[in-house]
C-alpha atoms as a PDB file:
ATOM      1  CA  MET A   1       2.876 -12.832 -32.676  1.00  0.00           C
ATOM      2  CA  ASN A   2       0.891 -15.831 -33.783  1.00  0.00           C
ATOM      3  CA  GLN A   3      -0.014 -14.151 -37.054  1.00  0.00           C
ATOM      4  CA  THR A   4       2.243 -11.889 -39.097  1.00  0.00           C
ATOM      5  CA  ILE A   5       2.302 -10.085 -42.428  1.00  0.00           C
ATOM      6  CA  ARG A   6       5.220  -9.345 -44.713  1.00  0.00           C
ATOM      7  CA  LEU A   7       6.202  -5.807 -45.697  1.00  0.00           C
ATOM      8  CA  ALA A   8       7.114  -5.180 -49.322  1.00  0.00           C
ATOM      9  CA  CYS A   9      10.344  -3.622 -48.085  1.00  0.00           C
ATOM     10  CA  ALA A  10      10.929  -3.230 -44.374  1.00  0.00           C
ATOM     11  CA  ALA A  11      13.737  -0.739 -44.987  1.00  0.00           C
ATOM     12  CA  LEU A  12      11.281   1.829 -46.317  1.00  0.00           C
ATOM     13  CA  VAL A  13      10.031   2.161 -42.749  1.00  0.00           C
ATOM     14  CA  ILE A  14      13.336   3.754 -41.721  1.00  0.00           C
ATOM     15  CA  GLY A  15      13.545   6.058 -44.703  1.00  0.00           C
ATOM     16  CA  LEU A  16      15.964   4.289 -47.080  1.00  0.00           C
ATOM     17  CA  SER A  17      15.826   5.100 -50.776  1.00  0.00           C
ATOM     18  CA  ARG A  18      14.363   2.561 -53.196  1.00  0.00           C
ATOM     19  CA  PRO A  19      17.786   1.312 -54.508  1.00  0.00           C
ATOM     20  CA  LEU A  20      19.079   0.890 -50.974  1.00  0.00           C
ATOM     21  CA  CYS A  21      15.773  -0.630 -50.024  1.00  0.00           C
ATOM     22  CA  ASP A  22      16.068  -3.237 -52.774  1.00  0.00           C
ATOM     23  CA  ALA A  23      19.605  -4.104 -51.677  1.00  0.00           C
ATOM     24  CA  PHE A  24      18.462  -4.345 -48.083  1.00  0.00           C
ATOM     25  CA  ALA A  25      15.561  -6.586 -49.030  1.00  0.00           C
ATOM     26  CA  ALA A  26      17.804  -8.953 -50.982  1.00  0.00           C
ATOM     27  CA  ASP A  27      20.214  -9.139 -48.052  1.00  0.00           C
ATOM     28  CA  THR A  28      17.640  -9.723 -45.325  1.00  0.00           C
ATOM     29  CA  ASP A  29      14.580 -11.221 -47.005  1.00  0.00           C
ATOM     30  CA  ALA A  30      15.345 -14.734 -45.826  1.00  0.00           C
ATOM     31  CA  CYS A  31      15.777 -13.523 -42.250  1.00  0.00           C
ATOM     32  CA  ILE A  32      12.583 -11.491 -41.794  1.00  0.00           C
ATOM     33  CA  THR A  33       9.953 -14.152 -41.181  1.00  0.00           C
ATOM     34  CA  GLY A  34       7.121 -11.748 -40.386  1.00  0.00           C
ATOM     35  CA  SER A  35       6.363  -8.129 -39.635  1.00  0.00           C
ATOM     36  CA  ILE A  36       3.646  -5.680 -38.739  1.00  0.00           C
ATOM     37  CA  SER A  37       3.893  -1.895 -39.018  1.00  0.00           C
ATOM     38  CA  LEU A  38       1.629   0.626 -37.293  1.00  0.00           C
ATOM     39  CA  PRO A  39       1.460   4.440 -37.383  1.00  0.00           C
ATOM     40  CA  LEU A  40       2.169   6.405 -34.233  1.00  0.00           C
ATOM     41  CA  LEU A  41      -0.670   8.697 -33.234  1.00  0.00           C
ATOM     42  CA  GLY A  42      -0.285  12.090 -31.589  1.00  0.00           C
ATOM     43  CA  GLY A  43       2.784  14.298 -31.940  1.00  0.00           C
ATOM     44  CA  ARG A  44       6.451  14.586 -31.159  1.00  0.00           C
ATOM     45  CA  THR A  45       6.014  15.317 -27.431  1.00  0.00           C
ATOM     46  CA  ASP A  46       3.723  12.330 -26.871  1.00  0.00           C
ATOM     47  CA  ALA A  47       4.743   8.852 -25.801  1.00  0.00           C
ATOM     48  CA  PRO A  48       4.351   6.162 -28.509  1.00  0.00           C
ATOM     49  CA  ILE A  49       0.641   5.542 -29.150  1.00  0.00           C
ATOM     50  CA  VAL A  50      -0.774   3.132 -31.746  1.00  0.00           C
ATOM     51  CA  PRO A  51      -4.304   2.580 -33.083  1.00  0.00           C
ATOM     52  CA  VAL A  52      -6.047  -0.587 -31.911  1.00  0.00           C
ATOM     53  CA  ARG A  53      -9.480  -2.152 -31.996  1.00  0.00           C
ATOM     54  CA  VAL A  54     -10.824  -3.527 -28.721  1.00  0.00           C
ATOM     55  CA  GLU A  55     -13.939  -5.707 -28.802  1.00  0.00           C
ATOM     56  CA  GLY A  56     -14.587  -4.313 -32.289  1.00  0.00           C
ATOM     57  CA  HIS A  57     -14.291  -0.635 -31.298  1.00  0.00           C
ATOM     58  CA  GLU A  58     -11.678   1.920 -32.366  1.00  0.00           C
ATOM     59  CA  ALA A  59      -9.279   2.873 -29.557  1.00  0.00           C
ATOM     60  CA  ALA A  60      -5.607   3.598 -28.929  1.00  0.00           C
ATOM     61  CA  MET A  61      -2.910   2.254 -26.606  1.00  0.00           C
ATOM     62  CA  TYR A  62       0.545   3.326 -25.540  1.00  0.00           C
ATOM     63  CA  VAL A  63       3.533   1.091 -26.278  1.00  0.00           C
ATOM     64  CA  SER A  64       6.446   0.559 -23.897  1.00  0.00           C
ATOM     65  CA  PRO A  65       8.536  -2.559 -23.158  1.00  0.00           C
ATOM     66  CA  ALA A  66       9.101  -1.154 -19.657  1.00  0.00           C
ATOM     67  CA  PHE A  67       5.714  -2.653 -18.770  1.00  0.00           C
ATOM     68  CA  ASP A  68       5.748  -6.409 -18.268  1.00  0.00           C
ATOM     69  CA  GLN A  69       2.348  -6.955 -19.884  1.00  0.00           C
ATOM     70  CA  ILE A  70      -0.784  -5.176 -21.081  1.00  0.00           C
ATOM     71  CA  TYR A  71      -2.386  -2.693 -18.685  1.00  0.00           C
ATOM     72  CA  VAL A  72      -5.822  -1.205 -19.369  1.00  0.00           C
ATOM     73  CA  ARG A  73      -8.484   0.949 -17.770  1.00  0.00           C
ATOM     74  CA  ASP A  74     -12.010   1.901 -18.719  1.00  0.00           C
ATOM     75  CA  ALA A  75     -12.207   5.135 -20.710  1.00  0.00           C
ATOM     76  CA  ALA A  76     -14.888   7.787 -20.326  1.00  0.00           C
ATOM     77  CA  LYS A  77     -15.564   8.014 -24.069  1.00  0.00           C
ATOM     78  CA  ALA A  78     -15.060   4.364 -25.009  1.00  0.00           C
ATOM     79  CA  PRO A  79     -18.198   2.436 -26.079  1.00  0.00           C
ATOM     80  CA  PHE A  80     -17.104  -0.585 -24.023  1.00  0.00           C
ATOM     81  CA  ASP A  81     -15.881  -1.514 -20.552  1.00  0.00           C
ATOM     82  CA  PHE A  82     -13.263  -4.029 -19.503  1.00  0.00           C
ATOM     83  CA  ALA A  83     -15.109  -6.535 -17.316  1.00  0.00           C
ATOM     84  CA  TYR A  84     -13.718  -7.454 -13.909  1.00  0.00           C
ATOM     85  CA  GLN A  85     -12.974 -11.108 -14.537  1.00  0.00           C
ATOM     86  CA  GLY A  86     -10.102 -12.163 -12.315  1.00  0.00           C
ATOM     87  CA  TYR A  87      -8.268 -11.747  -9.064  1.00  0.00           C
ATOM     88  CA  GLU A  88      -7.088  -8.583  -7.405  1.00  0.00           C
ATOM     89  CA  ARG A  89      -3.320  -8.087  -7.540  1.00  0.00           C
ATOM     90  CA  PRO A  90      -0.888  -5.414  -6.342  1.00  0.00           C
ATOM     91  CA  VAL A  91       0.923  -3.148  -8.794  1.00  0.00           C
ATOM     92  CA  GLU A  92       3.986  -1.131  -7.807  1.00  0.00           C
ATOM     93  CA  ILE A  93       4.468   2.581  -8.365  1.00  0.00           C
ATOM     94  CA  ASN A  94       8.025   3.894  -8.125  1.00  0.00           C
ATOM     95  CA  GLY A  95       9.224   0.712  -6.456  1.00  0.00           C
ATOM     96  CA  TYR A  96       7.506   1.110  -3.102  1.00  0.00           C
ATOM     97  CA  HIS A  97       3.983   2.535  -3.494  1.00  0.00           C
ATOM     98  CA  VAL A  98       1.471  -0.255  -4.147  1.00  0.00           C
ATOM     99  CA  ILE A  99      -2.054   0.016  -5.545  1.00  0.00           C
ATOM    100  CA  SER A 100      -4.650  -2.628  -6.352  1.00  0.00           C
ATOM    101  CA  ALA A 101      -5.530  -3.870  -9.853  1.00  0.00           C
ATOM    102  CA  THR A 102      -7.445  -6.776 -11.404  1.00  0.00           C
ATOM    103  CA  GLU A 103      -6.336  -9.569 -13.734  1.00  0.00           C
ATOM    104  CA  ILE A 104      -8.617  -9.832 -16.770  1.00  0.00           C
ATOM    105  CA  THR A 105      -8.838 -11.344 -20.254  1.00  0.00           C
ATOM    106  CA  ILE A 106      -9.466  -9.209 -23.353  1.00  0.00           C
ATOM    107  CA  ASP A 107     -11.640 -11.219 -25.720  1.00  0.00           C
ATOM    108  CA  ASP A 108     -10.569  -9.434 -28.903  1.00  0.00           C
ATOM    109  CA  LEU A 109      -7.625  -7.075 -29.491  1.00  0.00           C
ATOM    110  CA  GLN A 110      -6.676  -6.083 -33.038  1.00  0.00           C
ATOM    111  CA  LEU A 111      -3.333  -4.520 -34.030  1.00  0.00           C
ATOM    112  CA  GLY A 112      -3.429  -3.637 -37.701  1.00  0.00           C
ATOM    113  CA  PRO A 113      -4.210  -6.904 -39.514  1.00  0.00           C
ATOM    114  CA  ILE A 114      -3.419  -9.058 -36.482  1.00  0.00           C
ATOM    115  CA  ASP A 115      -6.409 -10.243 -34.469  1.00  0.00           C
ATOM    116  CA  LEU A 116      -5.515 -11.469 -30.978  1.00  0.00           C
ATOM    117  CA  ALA A 117      -8.031 -13.379 -28.875  1.00  0.00           C
ATOM    118  CA  ASN A 118      -8.171 -14.076 -25.144  1.00  0.00           C
ATOM    119  CA  ILE A 119      -5.265 -11.803 -24.218  1.00  0.00           C
ATOM    120  CA  GLU A 120      -4.338 -11.557 -20.545  1.00  0.00           C
ATOM    121  CA  ALA A 121      -4.143  -8.035 -19.127  1.00  0.00           C
ATOM    122  CA  VAL A 122      -4.228  -6.094 -15.873  1.00  0.00           C
ATOM    123  CA  LYS A 123      -7.097  -3.666 -15.341  1.00  0.00           C
ATOM    124  CA  LEU A 124      -6.352  -0.551 -13.333  1.00  0.00           C
ATOM    125  CA  HIS A 125      -9.022   1.112 -11.249  1.00  0.00           C
ATOM    126  CA  GLY A 126     -10.297   4.525 -12.247  1.00  0.00           C
ATOM    127  CA  LEU A 127     -11.587   6.051 -15.465  1.00  0.00           C
ATOM    128  CA  GLY A 128      -9.291   7.225 -18.250  1.00  0.00           C
ATOM    129  CA  THR A 129     -10.047  10.511 -19.999  1.00  0.00           C
ATOM    130  CA  GLN A 130      -7.277  10.796 -22.595  1.00  0.00           C
ATOM    131  CA  MET A 131      -8.092  10.984 -26.307  1.00  0.00           C
ATOM    132  CA  VAL A 132      -5.893  11.042 -29.407  1.00  0.00           C
ATOM    133  CA  GLN A 133      -7.182  11.732 -32.915  1.00  0.00           C
ATOM    134  CA  GLY A 134     -10.716  10.924 -31.844  1.00  0.00           C
ATOM    135  CA  ARG A 135      -9.800   7.641 -30.169  1.00  0.00           C
ATOM    136  CA  PRO A 136     -10.009   6.928 -26.432  1.00  0.00           C
ATOM    137  CA  ILE A 137      -6.680   5.802 -24.975  1.00  0.00           C
ATOM    138  CA  VAL A 138      -7.428   2.638 -23.010  1.00  0.00           C
ATOM    139  CA  GLY A 139      -4.064   1.268 -21.862  1.00  0.00           C
ATOM    140  CA  VAL A 140      -0.500   0.310 -22.689  1.00  0.00           C
ATOM    141  CA  LEU A 141       1.017  -2.615 -24.613  1.00  0.00           C
ATOM    142  CA  GLY A 142       3.932  -4.152 -22.741  1.00  0.00           C
ATOM    143  CA  TYR A 143       6.828  -6.530 -23.213  1.00  0.00           C
ATOM    144  CA  ASN A 144       4.844  -9.780 -23.245  1.00  0.00           C
ATOM    145  CA  LEU A 145       3.396  -8.830 -26.636  1.00  0.00           C
ATOM    146  CA  MET A 146       6.819  -8.194 -28.196  1.00  0.00           C
ATOM    147  CA  ARG A 147       9.148 -10.598 -26.407  1.00  0.00           C
ATOM    148  CA  HIS A 148       9.852 -12.723 -29.498  1.00  0.00           C
ATOM    149  CA  ALA A 149      10.317  -9.761 -31.848  1.00  0.00           C
ATOM    150  CA  ALA A 150      12.693  -7.018 -32.856  1.00  0.00           C
ATOM    151  CA  VAL A 151      10.878  -3.733 -32.257  1.00  0.00           C
ATOM    152  CA  LEU A 152      11.703  -0.752 -34.473  1.00  0.00           C
ATOM    153  CA  LEU A 153      10.479   2.447 -32.819  1.00  0.00           C
ATOM    154  CA  ASP A 154      10.768   5.370 -35.231  1.00  0.00           C
ATOM    155  CA  MET A 155       9.312   8.335 -33.370  1.00  0.00           C
ATOM    156  CA  PRO A 156      10.812  10.965 -35.744  1.00  0.00           C
ATOM    157  CA  HIS A 157       8.787   9.511 -38.638  1.00  0.00           C
ATOM    158  CA  GLY A 158       5.853   8.225 -36.570  1.00  0.00           C
ATOM    159  CA  ARG A 159       6.132   4.471 -37.072  1.00  0.00           C
ATOM    160  CA  LEU A 160       6.296   1.294 -34.975  1.00  0.00           C
ATOM    161  CA  THR A 161       7.316  -1.972 -36.636  1.00  0.00           C
ATOM    162  CA  LEU A 162       7.635  -5.428 -35.098  1.00  0.00           C
ATOM    163  CA  PHE A 163       9.751  -8.045 -36.881  1.00  0.00           C
ATOM    164  CA  THR A 164      10.142 -11.738 -36.270  1.00  0.00           C
ATOM    165  CA  ILE A 165      13.581 -12.905 -37.354  1.00  0.00           C
ATOM    166  CA  GLY A 166      14.919 -16.322 -38.317  1.00  0.00           C
ATOM    167  CA  GLN A 167      17.233 -18.024 -35.848  1.00  0.00           C
ATOM    168  CA  THR A 168      20.006 -19.090 -38.239  1.00  0.00           C
ATOM    169  CA  ALA A 169      23.565 -17.819 -37.802  1.00  0.00           C
ATOM    170  CA  ASP A 170      23.247 -15.560 -40.856  1.00  0.00           C
ATOM    171  CA  CYS A 171      20.322 -13.758 -39.234  1.00  0.00           C
ATOM    172  CA  GLN A 172      21.793 -12.975 -35.829  1.00  0.00           C
ATOM    173  CA  ASP A 173      22.869  -9.439 -36.794  1.00  0.00           C
ATOM    174  CA  VAL A 174      20.024  -8.609 -39.176  1.00  0.00           C
ATOM    175  CA  ALA A 175      18.468  -6.173 -36.704  1.00  0.00           C
ATOM    176  CA  GLY A 176      21.624  -4.072 -36.760  1.00  0.00           C
ATOM    177  CA  ARG A 177      21.746  -4.170 -40.546  1.00  0.00           C
ATOM    178  CA  MET A 178      18.272  -2.630 -40.676  1.00  0.00           C
ATOM    179  CA  LEU A 179      19.603   0.668 -39.339  1.00  0.00           C
ATOM    180  CA  GLY A 180      22.805   0.778 -41.382  1.00  0.00           C
ATOM    181  CA  ASP A 181      26.332   1.960 -40.634  1.00  0.00           C
ATOM    182  CA  ASP A 182      25.249   5.013 -38.623  1.00  0.00           C
ATOM    183  CA  ALA A 183      23.645   2.900 -35.926  1.00  0.00           C
ATOM    184  CA  ARG A 184      25.204   2.304 -32.524  1.00  0.00           C
ATOM    185  CA  SER A 185      24.660  -0.848 -30.503  1.00  0.00           C
ATOM    186  CA  VAL A 186      24.855  -1.754 -26.815  1.00  0.00           C
ATOM    187  CA  PRO A 187      23.812  -4.815 -24.793  1.00  0.00           C
ATOM    188  CA  LEU A 188      20.199  -4.946 -23.656  1.00  0.00           C
ATOM    189  CA  ALA A 189      19.921  -6.603 -20.277  1.00  0.00           C
ATOM    190  CA  GLY A 190      17.843  -7.154 -17.194  1.00  0.00           C
ATOM    191  CA  LYS A 191      14.284  -7.976 -18.267  1.00  0.00           C
ATOM    192  CA  ASP A 192      13.473  -9.179 -14.741  1.00  0.00           C
ATOM    193  CA  ASP A 193      14.298  -5.729 -13.374  1.00  0.00           C
ATOM    194  CA  GLY A 194      13.380  -3.553 -16.347  1.00  0.00           C
ATOM    195  CA  TRP A 195      15.243  -3.332 -19.657  1.00  0.00           C
ATOM    196  CA  ARG A 196      18.533  -1.469 -19.213  1.00  0.00           C
ATOM    197  CA  ILE A 197      21.592  -0.459 -21.233  1.00  0.00           C
ATOM    198  CA  PRO A 198      25.102   0.675 -20.218  1.00  0.00           C
ATOM    199  CA  VAL A 199      25.431   4.468 -20.158  1.00  0.00           C
ATOM    200  CA  SER A 200      28.457   6.560 -19.223  1.00  0.00           C
ATOM    201  CA  ILE A 201      27.905   9.786 -17.234  1.00  0.00           C
ATOM    202  CA  ASP A 202      31.048  11.828 -16.545  1.00  0.00           C
ATOM    203  CA  GLY A 203      33.042   8.743 -17.502  1.00  0.00           C
ATOM    204  CA  GLN A 204      31.306   6.525 -14.941  1.00  0.00           C
ATOM    205  CA  LYS A 205      29.286   3.617 -16.303  1.00  0.00           C
ATOM    206  CA  ARG A 206      25.815   2.846 -15.029  1.00  0.00           C
ATOM    207  CA  LEU A 207      22.908   0.696 -16.178  1.00  0.00           C
ATOM    208  CA  VAL A 208      20.025   2.918 -17.265  1.00  0.00           C
ATOM    209  CA  GLY A 209      16.469   1.811 -18.001  1.00  0.00           C
ATOM    210  CA  LEU A 210      14.529   2.407 -21.226  1.00  0.00           C
ATOM    211  CA  ASN A 211      10.927   3.586 -21.099  1.00  0.00           C
ATOM    212  CA  PRO A 212       9.508   5.525 -24.081  1.00  0.00           C
ATOM    213  CA  ASP A 213       6.439   6.373 -22.007  1.00  0.00           C
ATOM    214  CA  LEU A 214       8.281   8.149 -19.183  1.00  0.00           C
ATOM    215  CA  ALA A 215       8.043  11.920 -19.487  1.00  0.00           C
ATOM    216  CA  VAL A 216      11.629  12.656 -18.421  1.00  0.00           C
ATOM    217  CA  PHE A 217      15.182  11.359 -18.066  1.00  0.00           C
ATOM    218  CA  ALA A 218      14.981  10.228 -14.429  1.00  0.00           C
ATOM    219  CA  VAL A 219      18.162   9.864 -12.349  1.00  0.00           C
ATOM    220  CA  PRO A 220      18.416   8.833  -8.669  1.00  0.00           C
ATOM    221  CA  SER A 221      19.785  11.407  -6.240  1.00  0.00           C
ATOM    222  CA  SER A 222      21.928   8.669  -4.665  1.00  0.00           C
ATOM    223  CA  TRP A 223      24.421   8.748  -7.572  1.00  0.00           C
ATOM    224  CA  THR A 224      26.399  11.426  -5.771  1.00  0.00           C
ATOM    225  CA  GLU A 225      29.815  10.066  -6.767  1.00  0.00           C
ATOM    226  CA  ILE A 226      29.204  11.294 -10.337  1.00  0.00           C
ATOM    227  CA  PRO A 227      30.509  14.897 -10.449  1.00  0.00           C
ATOM    228  CA  GLU A 228      27.523  16.364 -12.287  1.00  0.00           C
ATOM    229  CA  LEU A 229      25.219  14.707  -9.745  1.00  0.00           C
ATOM    230  CA  ALA A 230      27.027  15.855  -6.609  1.00  0.00           C
ATOM    231  CA  PRO A 231      24.622  17.317  -4.006  1.00  0.00           C
ATOM    232  CA  ASP A 232      25.869  20.888  -4.418  1.00  0.00           C
ATOM    233  CA  ALA A 233      25.427  20.704  -8.208  1.00  0.00           C
ATOM    234  CA  VAL A 234      21.951  19.192  -7.938  1.00  0.00           C
ATOM    235  CA  ALA A 235      20.882  21.768  -5.341  1.00  0.00           C
ATOM    236  CA  ARG A 236      21.257  24.490  -7.981  1.00  0.00           C
ATOM    237  CA  GLY A 237      18.643  22.827 -10.174  1.00  0.00           C
ATOM    238  CA  LYS A 238      14.970  23.715 -10.381  1.00  0.00           C
ATOM    239  CA  LEU A 239      12.679  22.038  -7.847  1.00  0.00           C
ATOM    240  CA  VAL A 240      10.010  19.820  -9.428  1.00  0.00           C
ATOM    241  CA  VAL A 241       7.031  17.976  -7.962  1.00  0.00           C
ATOM    242  CA  ILE A 242       6.466  14.480  -9.310  1.00  0.00           C
ATOM    243  CA  HIS A 243       2.975  12.948  -9.371  1.00  0.00           C
ATOM    244  CA  TYR A 244       3.309   9.180  -9.416  1.00  0.00           C
ATOM    245  CA  ASP A 245      -0.412   8.499  -9.148  1.00  0.00           C
ATOM    246  CA  GLU A 246      -2.854  11.395  -9.332  1.00  0.00           C
ATOM    247  CA  LYS A 247      -5.842   9.514  -7.934  1.00  0.00           C
ATOM    248  CA  SER A 248      -3.922   8.258  -4.896  1.00  0.00           C
ATOM    249  CA  GLY A 249      -2.154  11.556  -4.293  1.00  0.00           C
ATOM    250  CA  LEU A 250       1.318   9.980  -4.354  1.00  0.00           C
ATOM    251  CA  VAL A 251       3.884  12.702  -4.930  1.00  0.00           C
ATOM    252  CA  SER A 252       7.591  13.251  -4.500  1.00  0.00           C
ATOM    253  CA  ASP A 253      10.011  16.046  -5.236  1.00  0.00           C
ATOM    254  CA  GLY A 254      13.264  16.365  -7.128  1.00  0.00           C
ATOM    255  CA  ARG A 255      15.541  18.724  -9.021  1.00  0.00           C
ATOM    256  CA  GLU A 256      15.780  19.421 -12.730  1.00  0.00           C
ATOM    257  CA  ILE A 257      19.332  19.872 -14.036  1.00  0.00           C
ATOM    258  CA  ALA A 258      21.294  19.671 -17.299  1.00  0.00           C
ATOM    259  CA  ILE A 259      23.751  16.782 -17.678  1.00  0.00           C
ATOM    260  CA  HIS A 260      26.528  17.536 -20.155  1.00  0.00           C
ATOM    261  CA  ASP A 261      28.584  14.342 -20.417  1.00  0.00           C
ATOM    262  CA  VAL A 262      26.415  11.366 -21.422  1.00  0.00           C
ATOM    263  CA  ASP A 263      27.805   8.640 -23.689  1.00  0.00           C
ATOM    264  CA  ILE A 264      26.020   5.575 -25.105  1.00  0.00           C
ATOM    265  CA  GLY A 265      27.833   3.049 -27.267  1.00  0.00           C
ATOM    266  CA  GLY A 266      30.767   5.394 -27.841  1.00  0.00           C
ATOM    267  CA  THR A 267      28.529   8.269 -28.947  1.00  0.00           C
ATOM    268  CA  LYS A 268      28.442  11.447 -26.878  1.00  0.00           C
ATOM    269  CA  LEU A 269      24.892  12.738 -26.638  1.00  0.00           C
ATOM    270  CA  PRO A 270      23.859  16.404 -26.632  1.00  0.00           C
ATOM    271  CA  ASP A 271      23.211  17.984 -23.240  1.00  0.00           C
ATOM    272  CA  MET A 272      20.283  16.259 -21.562  1.00  0.00           C
ATOM    273  CA  THR A 273      17.775  17.613 -19.062  1.00  0.00           C
ATOM    274  CA  ALA A 274      17.404  15.193 -16.158  1.00  0.00           C
ATOM    275  CA  THR A 275      15.064  15.000 -13.190  1.00  0.00           C
ATOM    276  CA  ILE A 276      17.028  14.012 -10.087  1.00  0.00           C
ATOM    277  CA  GLU A 277      14.690  12.004  -7.871  1.00  0.00           C
ATOM    278  CA  ARG A 278      15.220  10.947  -4.264  1.00  0.00           C
ATOM    279  CA  ASP A 279      12.490   8.272  -4.261  1.00  0.00           C
ATOM    280  CA  THR A 280      14.144   5.902  -6.720  1.00  0.00           C
ATOM    281  CA  ASP A 281      17.391   3.983  -7.060  1.00  0.00           C
ATOM    282  CA  LYS A 282      17.296   3.552 -10.854  1.00  0.00           C
ATOM    283  CA  ALA A 283      17.841   5.870 -13.808  1.00  0.00           C
ATOM    284  CA  VAL A 284      15.500   5.706 -16.811  1.00  0.00           C
ATOM    285  CA  LEU A 285      15.676   7.292 -20.272  1.00  0.00           C
ATOM    286  CA  GLY A 286      12.216   8.517 -21.234  1.00  0.00           C
ATOM    287  CA  THR A 287      10.364  10.106 -24.143  1.00  0.00           C
ATOM    288  CA  PRO A 288      12.864  12.960 -24.751  1.00  0.00           C
ATOM    289  CA  PHE A 289      15.590  10.432 -25.631  1.00  0.00           C
ATOM    290  CA  PHE A 290      13.386   8.527 -28.083  1.00  0.00           C
ATOM    291  CA  ALA A 291      11.672  11.535 -29.696  1.00  0.00           C
ATOM    292  CA  ASP A 292      14.647  12.379 -31.956  1.00  0.00           C
ATOM    293  CA  ARG A 293      16.070   8.903 -32.521  1.00  0.00           C
ATOM    294  CA  ILE A 294      15.259   5.775 -34.469  1.00  0.00           C
ATOM    295  CA  VAL A 295      15.806   2.849 -32.104  1.00  0.00           C
ATOM    296  CA  LEU A 296      15.517  -0.902 -32.313  1.00  0.00           C
ATOM    297  CA  PHE A 297      14.992  -3.329 -29.441  1.00  0.00           C
ATOM    298  CA  ASP A 298      16.287  -6.747 -30.520  1.00  0.00           C
ATOM    299  CA  PHE A 299      14.828  -8.808 -27.695  1.00  0.00           C
ATOM    300  CA  PRO A 300      15.822 -12.272 -29.022  1.00  0.00           C
ATOM    301  CA  GLN A 301      19.488 -11.174 -29.273  1.00  0.00           C
ATOM    302  CA  ASN A 302      19.457  -8.847 -26.228  1.00  0.00           C
ATOM    303  CA  ARG A 303      20.778  -5.834 -28.176  1.00  0.00           C
ATOM    304  CA  PHE A 304      19.658  -2.217 -28.396  1.00  0.00           C
ATOM    305  CA  TYR A 305      20.416  -0.160 -31.524  1.00  0.00           C
ATOM    306  CA  PHE A 306      19.941   3.539 -32.151  1.00  0.00           C
ATOM    307  CA  ILE A 307      20.767   6.182 -34.737  1.00  0.00           C
ATOM    308  CA  PRO A 308      22.323   9.083 -32.789  1.00  0.00           C
ATOM    309  CA  ARG A 309      20.035  11.865 -34.009  1.00  0.00           C
ATOM    310  CA  THR A 310      17.132  12.182 -36.465  1.00  0.00           C
ATOM    311  CA  ARG A 311      15.061  15.327 -36.907  1.00  0.00           C
ATOM    312  CA  ASN A 312      11.486  14.854 -35.745  1.00  0.00           C
ATOM    313  CA  THR A 313       9.154  16.568 -38.219  1.00  0.00           C
ATOM    314  CA  ARG A 314       5.896  15.426 -36.652  1.00  0.00           C
ATOM    315  CA  PRO A 315       3.470  18.073 -35.369  1.00  0.00           C
ATOM    316  CA  PRO A 316       3.580  19.152 -31.723  1.00  0.00           C
ATOM    317  CA  GLY A 317       1.828  16.804 -29.337  1.00  0.00           C
ATOM    318  CA  HIS A 318      -0.027  17.215 -26.055  1.00  0.00           C
ATOM    319  CA  HIS A 319       2.514  15.575 -23.709  1.00  0.00           C
ATOM    320  CA  LEU A 320       0.409  12.428 -23.558  1.00  0.00           C
ATOM    321  CA  HIS A 321       1.701   9.578 -21.421  1.00  0.00           C
ATOM    322  CA  PHE A 322       0.044   6.596 -19.823  1.00  0.00           C
ATOM    323  CA  GLU A 323      -2.335   8.446 -17.527  1.00  0.00           C
ATOM    324  CA  GLU A 324      -1.601   6.711 -14.249  1.00  0.00           C
ATOM    325  CA  THR A 325       2.051   6.107 -13.440  1.00  0.00           C
ATOM    326  CA  ILE A 326       1.908   2.381 -12.921  1.00  0.00           C
ATOM    327  CA  VAL A 327       5.165   0.441 -12.760  1.00  0.00           C
ATOM    328  CA  ALA A 328       5.698  -3.095 -13.934  1.00  0.00           C
ATOM    329  CA  ARG A 329       9.363  -4.000 -13.545  1.00  0.00           C
ATOM    330  CA  THR A 330      10.798  -0.541 -13.972  1.00  0.00           C
ATOM    331  CA  SER A 331      10.657   1.107 -10.552  1.00  0.00           C
ATOM    332  CA  VAL A 332      10.281   4.742 -11.609  1.00  0.00           C
ATOM    333  CA  ARG A 333       7.572   6.395 -13.654  1.00  0.00           C
ATOM    334  CA  GLN A 334       6.448   9.988 -13.818  1.00  0.00           C
ATOM    335  CA  ARG A 335       3.172  11.466 -14.913  1.00  0.00           C
ATOM    336  CA  GLU A 336       4.115  15.096 -14.729  1.00  0.00           C
ATOM    337  CA  GLY A 337       6.633  17.433 -13.131  1.00  0.00           C
ATOM    338  CA  THR A 338       5.648  20.926 -12.059  1.00  0.00           C
ATOM    339  CA  VAL A 339       8.452  23.432 -11.750  1.00  0.00           C
ATOM    340  CA  GLN A 340       8.425  25.306  -8.471  1.00  0.00           C
ATOM    341  CA  GLN A 341      10.156  28.687  -8.275  1.00  0.00           C
END
């Protein structure tokens, strides 16, 4: 972020009381060098969506560090188009399907008080039709916009905050202090192959991706050595059809099951519904994981923090996710799953 603003008290974003907020501010004020906070649009079943202005017009965009950069598409009800300005390039879907896209430059993109000029993006073919609170949804903000920041994603309270943090020794753990003693922390690794954290399933550790825009908890069918994912156990699950790209007709199938023994950072999670997919070799935690948790991506320190459970009081959403399941470095994305009886 080339331009930043200061919050009066960043801790208020995560629901601390005023006395605790004041103590927090005194403890961390020298470390927080800049911040920007945006409301999340939509409801509790939607992926993170923030208000933006594009070329001076009101719009909205998804947010997910699983995408390497900004992806956009023209929207049916937007009063502007993204011009085709650059070269064609391939974009992967689910690790092996490839579609064509175009490199472009966005002249003016505004996030809250921050005005960004000449931002590189990738334009996807096709016309978007999604709307949220009267705004056309025109794309997704990816990792390149947040790579120097700590990103606080508070879906239960409907807030996204980006912090820039000082690099002194006293500031190295300030991201963890933001969430307090209830927070858990694990290493955040693998940006070249999608951001992943260590997760234990039935006592067996695996690296699992993080994508707030993905509709489900996706798990590869090849993890058969994990008892709950053995073929006979998975075969009892509900069959689902996965649409990776509606316009191209790319579909796959899988099974929907409940996984009972999932542990992250020493915290056992409640039973989780997972979609077991045969067309991927990576697991990814999606929107259901983030919907009831306050999380923090500390990209400069390569740490991921989360508060185990927070009640989401936002209104119901419309299951909005980035319309076309385009993959950057994470090799699984899902637009929708249809249960087949």
